[in-house]
Amino acid sequence: MGSTRRKAVLVTALVAYAVLLVVGPRVLGGSAGIVILVASFVVGFAWLVLLVAPWAARGRDRSLRR
């Protein structure tokens, strides 16, 4: 998966999460807290897997190493 596609997936997840935060309590009622908690975990995990892991796997630039 290319860098652009990973970022697009993450932006879509963040927008969906923001909509859930705004509309969720009105639509879901009492169970909105649990749904928002799970969504927070999913978005955080997606951020780690899609952006941080590929960056960490590449490692630091050789010119920065001493």
PDB file of N, CA and C in Angstrom:
ATOM      1  N   MET A   1       0.851  -1.167   0.000  1.00  0.00           N
ATOM      2  CA  MET A   1       0.000   0.000   0.000  1.00  0.00           C
ATOM      3  C   MET A   1       0.895   1.226   0.000  1.00  0.00           C
ATOM      4  N   GLY A   2       0.630   2.125  -0.914  1.00  0.00           N
ATOM      5  CA  GLY A   2       1.444   3.322  -1.042  1.00  0.00           C
ATOM      6  C   GLY A   2       1.182   4.329   0.066  1.00  0.00           C
ATOM      7  N   SER A   3       2.095   5.266   0.182  1.00  0.00           N
ATOM      8  CA  SER A   3       2.009   6.286   1.219  1.00  0.00           C
ATOM      9  C   SER A   3       0.733   7.122   1.084  1.00  0.00           C
ATOM     10  N   THR A   4       0.383   7.463  -0.139  1.00  0.00           N
ATOM     11  CA  THR A   4      -0.816   8.273  -0.358  1.00  0.00           C
ATOM     12  C   THR A   4      -2.071   7.516   0.048  1.00  0.00           C
ATOM     13  N   ARG A   5      -2.139   6.245  -0.283  1.00  0.00           N
ATOM     14  CA  ARG A   5      -3.313   5.445   0.078  1.00  0.00           C
ATOM     15  C   ARG A   5      -3.411   5.276   1.598  1.00  0.00           C
ATOM     16  N   ARG A   6      -2.274   5.071   2.269  1.00  0.00           N
ATOM     17  CA  ARG A   6      -2.289   4.947   3.738  1.00  0.00           C
ATOM     18  C   ARG A   6      -2.798   6.223   4.373  1.00  0.00           C
ATOM     19  N   LYS A   7      -2.341   7.364   3.873  1.00  0.00           N
ATOM     20  CA  LYS A   7      -2.794   8.649   4.417  1.00  0.00           C
ATOM     21  C   LYS A   7      -4.274   8.873   4.139  1.00  0.00           C
ATOM     22  N   ALA A   8      -4.744   8.473   2.970  1.00  0.00           N
ATOM     23  CA  ALA A   8      -6.161   8.626   2.638  1.00  0.00           C
ATOM     24  C   ALA A   8      -7.028   7.781   3.561  1.00  0.00           C
ATOM     25  N   VAL A   9      -6.594   6.565   3.848  1.00  0.00           N
ATOM     26  CA  VAL A   9      -7.347   5.697   4.760  1.00  0.00           C
ATOM     27  C   VAL A   9      -7.390   6.323   6.149  1.00  0.00           C
ATOM     28  N   LEU A  10      -6.276   6.861   6.588  1.00  0.00           N
ATOM     29  CA  LEU A  10      -6.227   7.461   7.919  1.00  0.00           C
ATOM     30  C   LEU A  10      -7.079   8.727   7.997  1.00  0.00           C
ATOM     31  N   VAL A  11      -7.031   9.558   6.978  1.00  0.00           N
ATOM     32  CA  VAL A  11      -7.863  10.768   6.966  1.00  0.00           C
ATOM     33  C   VAL A  11      -9.340  10.398   6.973  1.00  0.00           C
ATOM     34  N   THR A  12      -9.710   9.379   6.226  1.00  0.00           N
ATOM     35  CA  THR A  12     -11.102   8.924   6.219  1.00  0.00           C
ATOM     36  C   THR A  12     -11.516   8.435   7.602  1.00  0.00           C
ATOM     37  N   ALA A  13     -10.643   7.690   8.261  1.00  0.00           N
ATOM     38  CA  ALA A  13     -10.949   7.212   9.613  1.00  0.00           C
ATOM     39  C   ALA A  13     -11.077   8.373  10.588  1.00  0.00           C
ATOM     40  N   LEU A  14     -10.225   9.373  10.463  1.00  0.00           N
ATOM     41  CA  LEU A  14     -10.299  10.540  11.350  1.00  0.00           C
ATOM     42  C   LEU A  14     -11.579  11.346  11.126  1.00  0.00           C
ATOM     43  N   VAL A  15     -11.981  11.493   9.878  1.00  0.00           N
ATOM     44  CA  VAL A  15     -13.224  12.216   9.587  1.00  0.00           C
ATOM     45  C   VAL A  15     -14.424  11.447  10.137  1.00  0.00           C
ATOM     46  N   ALA A  16     -14.424  10.141   9.948  1.00  0.00           N
ATOM     47  CA  ALA A  16     -15.520   9.324  10.487  1.00  0.00           C
ATOM     48  C   ALA A  16     -15.551   9.414  12.010  1.00  0.00           C
ATOM     49  N   TYR A  17     -14.386   9.436  12.634  1.00  0.00           N
ATOM     50  CA  TYR A  17     -14.314   9.554  14.098  1.00  0.00           C
ATOM     51  C   TYR A  17     -14.843  10.918  14.554  1.00  0.00           C
ATOM     52  N   ALA A  18     -14.483  11.977  13.831  1.00  0.00           N
ATOM     53  CA  ALA A  18     -14.973  13.311  14.181  1.00  0.00           C
ATOM     54  C   ALA A  18     -16.495  13.387  14.052  1.00  0.00           C
ATOM     55  N   VAL A  19     -17.037  12.793  13.004  1.00  0.00           N
ATOM     56  CA  VAL A  19     -18.497  12.771  12.840  1.00  0.00           C
ATOM     57  C   VAL A  19     -19.134  11.981  13.973  1.00  0.00           C
ATOM     58  N   LEU A  20     -18.501  10.877  14.359  1.00  0.00           N
ATOM     59  CA  LEU A  20     -19.021  10.080  15.474  1.00  0.00           C
ATOM     60  C   LEU A  20     -19.022  10.880  16.776  1.00  0.00           C
ATOM     61  N   LEU A  21     -17.976  11.656  16.997  1.00  0.00           N
ATOM     62  CA  LEU A  21     -17.927  12.475  18.208  1.00  0.00           C
ATOM     63  C   LEU A  21     -19.031  13.530  18.234  1.00  0.00           C
ATOM     64  N   VAL A  22     -19.329  14.099  17.081  1.00  0.00           N
ATOM     65  CA  VAL A  22     -20.335  15.162  17.026  1.00  0.00           C
ATOM     66  C   VAL A  22     -21.756  14.596  17.056  1.00  0.00           C
ATOM     67  N   VAL A  23     -22.020  13.581  16.269  1.00  0.00           N
ATOM     68  CA  VAL A  23     -23.380  13.081  16.089  1.00  0.00           C
ATOM     69  C   VAL A  23     -23.675  11.865  16.969  1.00  0.00           C
ATOM     70  N   GLY A  24     -22.646  11.162  17.391  1.00  0.00           N
ATOM     71  CA  GLY A  24     -22.819   9.909  18.117  1.00  0.00           C
ATOM     72  C   GLY A  24     -23.728   9.953  19.327  1.00  0.00           C
ATOM     73  N   PRO A  25     -23.516  10.882  20.252  1.00  0.00           N
ATOM     74  CA  PRO A  25     -24.376  10.891  21.445  1.00  0.00           C
ATOM     75  C   PRO A  25     -25.859  11.082  21.140  1.00  0.00           C
ATOM     76  N   ARG A  26     -26.173  11.864  20.112  1.00  0.00           N
ATOM     77  CA  ARG A  26     -27.588  12.067  19.755  1.00  0.00           C
ATOM     78  C   ARG A  26     -28.189  10.836  19.099  1.00  0.00           C
ATOM     79  N   VAL A  27     -27.373  10.141  18.313  1.00  0.00           N
ATOM     80  CA  VAL A  27     -27.889   8.996  17.557  1.00  0.00           C
ATOM     81  C   VAL A  27     -27.867   7.720  18.395  1.00  0.00           C
ATOM     82  N   LEU A  28     -26.781   7.500  19.114  1.00  0.00           N
ATOM     83  CA  LEU A  28     -26.599   6.243  19.836  1.00  0.00           C
ATOM     84  C   LEU A  28     -27.102   6.270  21.275  1.00  0.00           C
ATOM     85  N   GLY A  29     -27.282   7.448  21.820  1.00  0.00           N
ATOM     86  CA  GLY A  29     -27.788   7.549  23.183  1.00  0.00           C
ATOM     87  C   GLY A  29     -26.770   7.111  24.220  1.00  0.00           C
ATOM     88  N   GLY A  30     -27.188   6.230  25.104  1.00  0.00           N
ATOM     89  CA  GLY A  30     -26.358   5.814  26.223  1.00  0.00           C
ATOM     90  C   GLY A  30     -25.157   4.974  25.854  1.00  0.00           C
ATOM     91  N   SER A  31     -25.212   4.270  24.766  1.00  0.00           N
ATOM     92  CA  SER A  31     -24.088   3.424  24.383  1.00  0.00           C
ATOM     93  C   SER A  31     -23.035   4.171  23.566  1.00  0.00           C
ATOM     94  N   ALA A  32     -23.196   5.478  23.415  1.00  0.00           N
ATOM     95  CA  ALA A  32     -22.247   6.259  22.616  1.00  0.00           C
ATOM     96  C   ALA A  32     -20.856   6.245  23.230  1.00  0.00           C
ATOM     97  N   GLY A  33     -20.775   6.213  24.541  1.00  0.00           N
ATOM     98  CA  GLY A  33     -19.466   6.215  25.199  1.00  0.00           C
ATOM     99  C   GLY A  33     -18.626   5.004  24.835  1.00  0.00           C
ATOM    100  N   ILE A  34     -19.246   3.855  24.835  1.00  0.00           N
ATOM    101  CA  ILE A  34     -18.520   2.621  24.503  1.00  0.00           C
ATOM    102  C   ILE A  34     -18.111   2.626  23.031  1.00  0.00           C
ATOM    103  N   VAL A  35     -19.006   3.072  22.163  1.00  0.00           N
ATOM    104  CA  VAL A  35     -18.702   3.112  20.735  1.00  0.00           C
ATOM    105  C   VAL A  35     -17.570   4.094  20.458  1.00  0.00           C
ATOM    106  N   ILE A  36     -17.587   5.241  21.112  1.00  0.00           N
ATOM    107  CA  ILE A  36     -16.532   6.238  20.933  1.00  0.00           C
ATOM    108  C   ILE A  36     -15.210   5.720  21.485  1.00  0.00           C
ATOM    109  N   LEU A  37     -15.244   4.997  22.592  1.00  0.00           N
ATOM    110  CA  LEU A  37     -14.026   4.418  23.157  1.00  0.00           C
ATOM    111  C   LEU A  37     -13.403   3.412  22.185  1.00  0.00           C
ATOM    112  N   VAL A  38     -14.216   2.538  21.623  1.00  0.00           N
ATOM    113  CA  VAL A  38     -13.712   1.557  20.659  1.00  0.00           C
ATOM    114  C   VAL A  38     -13.203   2.261  19.398  1.00  0.00           C
ATOM    115  N   ALA A  39     -13.927   3.274  18.942  1.00  0.00           N
ATOM    116  CA  ALA A  39     -13.488   4.019  17.758  1.00  0.00           C
ATOM    117  C   ALA A  39     -12.162   4.732  18.011  1.00  0.00           C
ATOM    118  N   SER A  40     -11.958   5.239  19.221  1.00  0.00           N
ATOM    119  CA  SER A  40     -10.688   5.874  19.566  1.00  0.00           C
ATOM    120  C   SER A  40      -9.545   4.874  19.467  1.00  0.00           C
ATOM    121  N   PHE A  41      -9.775   3.675  19.957  1.00  0.00           N
ATOM    122  CA  PHE A  41      -8.757   2.626  19.867  1.00  0.00           C
ATOM    123  C   PHE A  41      -8.463   2.275  18.415  1.00  0.00           C
ATOM    124  N   VAL A  42      -9.499   2.139  17.614  1.00  0.00           N
ATOM    125  CA  VAL A  42      -9.324   1.756  16.208  1.00  0.00           C
ATOM    126  C   VAL A  42      -8.560   2.836  15.447  1.00  0.00           C
ATOM    127  N   VAL A  43      -8.906   4.100  15.644  1.00  0.00           N
ATOM    128  CA  VAL A  43      -8.214   5.187  14.949  1.00  0.00           C
ATOM    129  C   VAL A  43      -6.769   5.282  15.418  1.00  0.00           C
ATOM    130  N   GLY A  44      -6.530   5.128  16.702  1.00  0.00           N
ATOM    131  CA  GLY A  44      -5.159   5.153  17.210  1.00  0.00           C
ATOM    132  C   GLY A  44      -4.329   4.005  16.673  1.00  0.00           C
ATOM    133  N   PHE A  45      -4.903   2.828  16.617  1.00  0.00           N
ATOM    134  CA  PHE A  45      -4.196   1.667  16.088  1.00  0.00           C
ATOM    135  C   PHE A  45      -3.919   1.838  14.592  1.00  0.00           C
ATOM    136  N   ALA A  46      -4.890   2.393  13.865  1.00  0.00           N
ATOM    137  CA  ALA A  46      -4.690   2.644  12.434  1.00  0.00           C
ATOM    138  C   ALA A  46      -3.563   3.646  12.226  1.00  0.00           C
ATOM    139  N   TRP A  47      -3.501   4.670  13.070  1.00  0.00           N
ATOM    140  CA  TRP A  47      -2.424   5.651  12.974  1.00  0.00           C
ATOM    141  C   TRP A  47      -1.078   4.979  13.182  1.00  0.00           C
ATOM    142  N   LEU A  48      -0.995   4.111  14.180  1.00  0.00           N
ATOM    143  CA  LEU A  48       0.263   3.411  14.432  1.00  0.00           C
ATOM    144  C   LEU A  48       0.652   2.492  13.278  1.00  0.00           C
ATOM    145  N   VAL A  49      -0.292   1.720  12.788  1.00  0.00           N
ATOM    146  CA  VAL A  49       0.019   0.743  11.746  1.00  0.00           C
ATOM    147  C   VAL A  49       0.273   1.406  10.395  1.00  0.00           C
ATOM    148  N   LEU A  50      -0.516   2.417  10.056  1.00  0.00           N
ATOM    149  CA  LEU A  50      -0.428   2.992   8.719  1.00  0.00           C
ATOM    150  C   LEU A  50       0.625   4.091   8.579  1.00  0.00           C
ATOM    151  N   LEU A  51       0.914   4.824   9.648  1.00  0.00           N
ATOM    152  CA  LEU A  51       1.880   5.910   9.524  1.00  0.00           C
ATOM    153  C   LEU A  51       3.163   5.679  10.311  1.00  0.00           C
ATOM    154  N   VAL A  52       3.063   5.237  11.531  1.00  0.00           N
ATOM    155  CA  VAL A  52       4.256   5.116  12.369  1.00  0.00           C
ATOM    156  C   VAL A  52       5.068   3.875  12.021  1.00  0.00           C
ATOM    157  N   ALA A  53       4.433   2.750  11.813  1.00  0.00           N
ATOM    158  CA  ALA A  53       5.168   1.509  11.555  1.00  0.00           C
ATOM    159  C   ALA A  53       6.003   1.574  10.273  1.00  0.00           C
ATOM    160  N   PRO A  54       5.470   2.052   9.142  1.00  0.00           N
ATOM    161  CA  PRO A  54       6.315   2.140   7.953  1.00  0.00           C
ATOM    162  C   PRO A  54       7.484   3.123   8.139  1.00  0.00           C
ATOM    163  N   TRP A  55       7.225   4.200   8.837  1.00  0.00           N
ATOM    164  CA  TRP A  55       8.274   5.180   9.109  1.00  0.00           C
ATOM    165  C   TRP A  55       9.357   4.567   9.991  1.00  0.00           C
ATOM    166  N   ALA A  56       8.959   3.829  11.010  1.00  0.00           N
ATOM    167  CA  ALA A  56       9.928   3.197  11.905  1.00  0.00           C
ATOM    168  C   ALA A  56      10.675   2.064  11.212  1.00  0.00           C
ATOM    169  N   ALA A  57      10.018   1.372  10.301  1.00  0.00           N
ATOM    170  CA  ALA A  57      10.670   0.270   9.593  1.00  0.00           C
ATOM    171  C   ALA A  57      11.765   0.779   8.663  1.00  0.00           C
ATOM    172  N   ARG A  58      11.584   1.965   8.104  1.00  0.00           N
ATOM    173  CA  ARG A  58      12.613   2.547   7.242  1.00  0.00           C
ATOM    174  C   ARG A  58      13.848   2.933   8.035  1.00  0.00           C
ATOM    175  N   GLY A  59      13.666   3.320   9.286  1.00  0.00           N
ATOM    176  CA  GLY A  59      14.788   3.743  10.110  1.00  0.00           C
ATOM    177  C   GLY A  59      15.197   5.163   9.816  1.00  0.00           C
ATOM    178  N   ARG A  60      16.195   5.601  10.538  1.00  0.00           N
ATOM    179  CA  ARG A  60      16.685   6.961  10.344  1.00  0.00           C
ATOM    180  C   ARG A  60      17.514   7.058   9.077  1.00  0.00           C
ATOM    181  N   ASP A  61      17.605   8.243   8.567  1.00  0.00           N
ATOM    182  CA  ASP A  61      18.417   8.504   7.395  1.00  0.00           C
ATOM    183  C   ASP A  61      19.894   8.289   7.756  1.00  0.00           C
ATOM    184  N   ARG A  62      20.626   7.680   6.864  1.00  0.00           N
ATOM    185  CA  ARG A  62      22.040   7.381   7.146  1.00  0.00           C
ATOM    186  C   ARG A  62      22.861   8.633   7.362  1.00  0.00           C
ATOM    187  N   SER A  63      22.476   9.748   6.763  1.00  0.00           N
ATOM    188  CA  SER A  63      23.253  10.970   6.935  1.00  0.00           C
ATOM    189  C   SER A  63      23.114  11.528   8.347  1.00  0.00           C
ATOM    190  N   LEU A  64      22.083  11.120   9.071  1.00  0.00           N
ATOM    191  CA  LEU A  64      21.897  11.601  10.444  1.00  0.00           C
ATOM    192  C   LEU A  64      22.671  10.773  11.449  1.00  0.00           C
ATOM    193  N   ARG A  65      23.087   9.578  11.070  1.00  0.00           N
ATOM    194  CA  ARG A  65      23.825   8.723  11.985  1.00  0.00           C
ATOM    195  C   ARG A  65      25.266   9.183  12.101  1.00  0.00           C
ATOM    196  N   ARG A  66      25.808   9.043  13.296  1.00  0.00           N
ATOM    197  CA  ARG A  66      27.207   9.439  13.504  1.00  0.00           C
ATOM    198  C   ARG A  66      28.001   8.318  14.079  1.00  0.00           C
TER     199      ARG A  66
END
